[in-house]
Amino acid sequence: MYQVYLMKGEYEPWWFFEDWKTLVLSETSFPTYEEAVRSYNEHDEQLTSKYPFKKTKGNYLVAYWSEDESVYCESCEDDIQLYYGLMLLKNDKAIEETANTCN
């Protein structure tokens, strides 16, 4: 099973900290890789057009942001960048690069 996650939080999606699922705004599951990639690409187009900055790490792990979106961190007494993350996972794990899973 494949999942496409849209997230919002104080760090990029590829860190997979213990609480990463608490940052999920939406999750959609797909039985096939092709369906999941189609959904992922649609989300990517929307987010790319909305946010001026984008960084990709590995396969299907992307962070989007705008410098004017931040949240105040009380413990560090400073503003922290806010990120929107998009991930395509297989069984809730990052997809390893293979010939069958290339864009």
Protein backbone atom coordinates (compact mmCIF):
# COMPACT_ATOMS: atom_id res chain seq x y z
CA MET A 1 0.00 0.00 0.00
CA TYR A 2 1.22 3.51 -0.87
CA GLN A 3 0.49 6.69 1.07
CA VAL A 4 0.66 10.33 0.05
CA TYR A 5 1.02 12.64 3.06
CA LEU A 6 0.69 16.41 3.21
CA MET A 7 2.25 17.86 6.36
CA LYS A 8 2.80 21.19 8.06
CA GLY A 9 5.43 21.71 10.73
CA GLU A 10 8.67 23.16 12.00
CA TYR A 11 10.93 20.73 10.17
CA GLU A 12 11.25 19.09 6.78
CA PRO A 13 9.40 15.80 6.24
CA TRP A 14 12.46 13.59 5.73
CA TRP A 15 13.48 13.71 9.38
CA PHE A 16 10.78 11.24 10.45
CA PHE A 17 10.95 12.29 14.07
CA GLU A 18 8.89 10.19 16.46
CA ASP A 19 5.96 12.61 16.31
CA TRP A 20 5.94 13.10 12.51
CA LYS A 21 2.38 11.81 12.12
CA THR A 22 1.08 14.60 14.37
CA LEU A 23 2.08 17.04 11.60
CA VAL A 24 -0.07 15.34 8.95
CA LEU A 25 -2.76 17.52 7.37
CA SER A 26 -3.98 14.81 5.00
CA GLU A 27 -3.22 11.21 4.15
CA THR A 28 -4.46 9.26 1.16
CA SER A 29 -3.74 5.58 0.53
CA PHE A 30 -3.44 3.94 -2.87
CA PRO A 31 -3.21 0.27 -3.85
CA THR A 32 -0.81 0.95 -6.74
CA TYR A 33 2.37 2.92 -7.18
CA GLU A 34 1.05 4.58 -10.34
CA GLU A 35 -2.04 5.98 -8.59
CA ALA A 36 0.07 7.27 -5.71
CA VAL A 37 2.53 8.97 -8.08
CA ARG A 38 -0.31 10.65 -9.94
CA SER A 39 -1.69 12.07 -6.68
CA TYR A 40 1.79 13.06 -5.48
CA ASN A 41 2.48 14.92 -8.75
CA GLU A 42 -0.84 16.81 -8.50
CA HIS A 43 0.00 17.95 -4.96
CA ASP A 44 3.53 18.86 -6.03
CA GLU A 45 2.24 21.10 -8.82
CA GLN A 46 -0.14 22.89 -6.44
CA LEU A 47 2.48 23.41 -3.73
CA THR A 48 5.19 24.46 -6.19
CA SER A 49 2.91 27.15 -7.58
CA LYS A 50 2.05 28.39 -4.06
CA TYR A 51 5.46 28.41 -2.32
CA PRO A 52 8.59 30.08 -3.68
CA PHE A 53 11.04 27.65 -2.05
CA LYS A 54 11.26 23.90 -2.54
CA LYS A 55 13.81 21.28 -1.50
CA THR A 56 13.74 17.59 -2.36
CA LYS A 57 15.55 14.87 -0.48
CA GLY A 58 15.61 11.26 -1.60
CA ASN A 59 12.62 9.91 -3.44
CA TYR A 60 9.30 11.64 -2.98
CA LEU A 61 10.21 13.70 0.11
CA VAL A 62 9.74 17.43 -0.50
CA ALA A 63 9.61 20.54 1.67
CA TYR A 64 7.97 23.79 0.50
CA TRP A 65 8.11 27.12 2.28
CA SER A 66 7.78 30.85 2.13
CA GLU A 67 10.09 33.06 4.18
CA ASP A 68 7.13 34.98 5.59
CA GLU A 69 5.56 31.90 7.24
CA SER A 70 7.00 31.14 10.65
CA VAL A 71 5.92 30.19 14.14
CA TYR A 72 7.21 31.54 17.42
CA CYS A 73 9.20 29.08 19.52
CA GLU A 74 8.86 29.95 23.20
CA SER A 75 11.70 27.72 24.37
CA CYS A 76 14.19 29.21 21.89
CA GLU A 77 12.62 32.69 21.98
CA ASP A 78 12.77 33.06 18.22
CA ASP A 79 10.75 32.55 15.07
CA ILE A 80 11.11 29.18 13.34
CA GLN A 81 10.47 28.53 9.66
CA LEU A 82 7.22 26.73 8.88
CA TYR A 83 7.40 23.96 6.25
CA TYR A 84 4.82 22.14 4.20
CA GLY A 85 5.90 18.61 3.43
CA LEU A 86 4.81 16.19 0.74
CA MET A 87 5.72 12.54 0.96
CA LEU A 88 4.96 9.43 -1.01
CA LEU A 89 5.66 6.37 1.11
CA LYS A 90 5.25 2.64 0.77
CA ASN A 91 3.84 1.06 3.94
CA ASP A 92 4.75 4.28 5.80
CA LYS A 93 8.43 4.01 4.84
CA ALA A 94 10.48 6.07 2.41
CA ILE A 95 10.71 4.56 -1.06
CA GLU A 96 14.20 3.48 -2.04
CA GLU A 97 15.37 4.46 -5.51
CA THR A 98 15.02 1.63 -8.01
CA ALA A 99 14.40 1.38 -11.72
CA ASN A 100 10.72 0.68 -10.99
CA THR A 101 10.11 3.77 -8.86
CA CYS A 102 11.70 6.55 -10.88
CA ASN A 103 9.70 9.65 -11.83
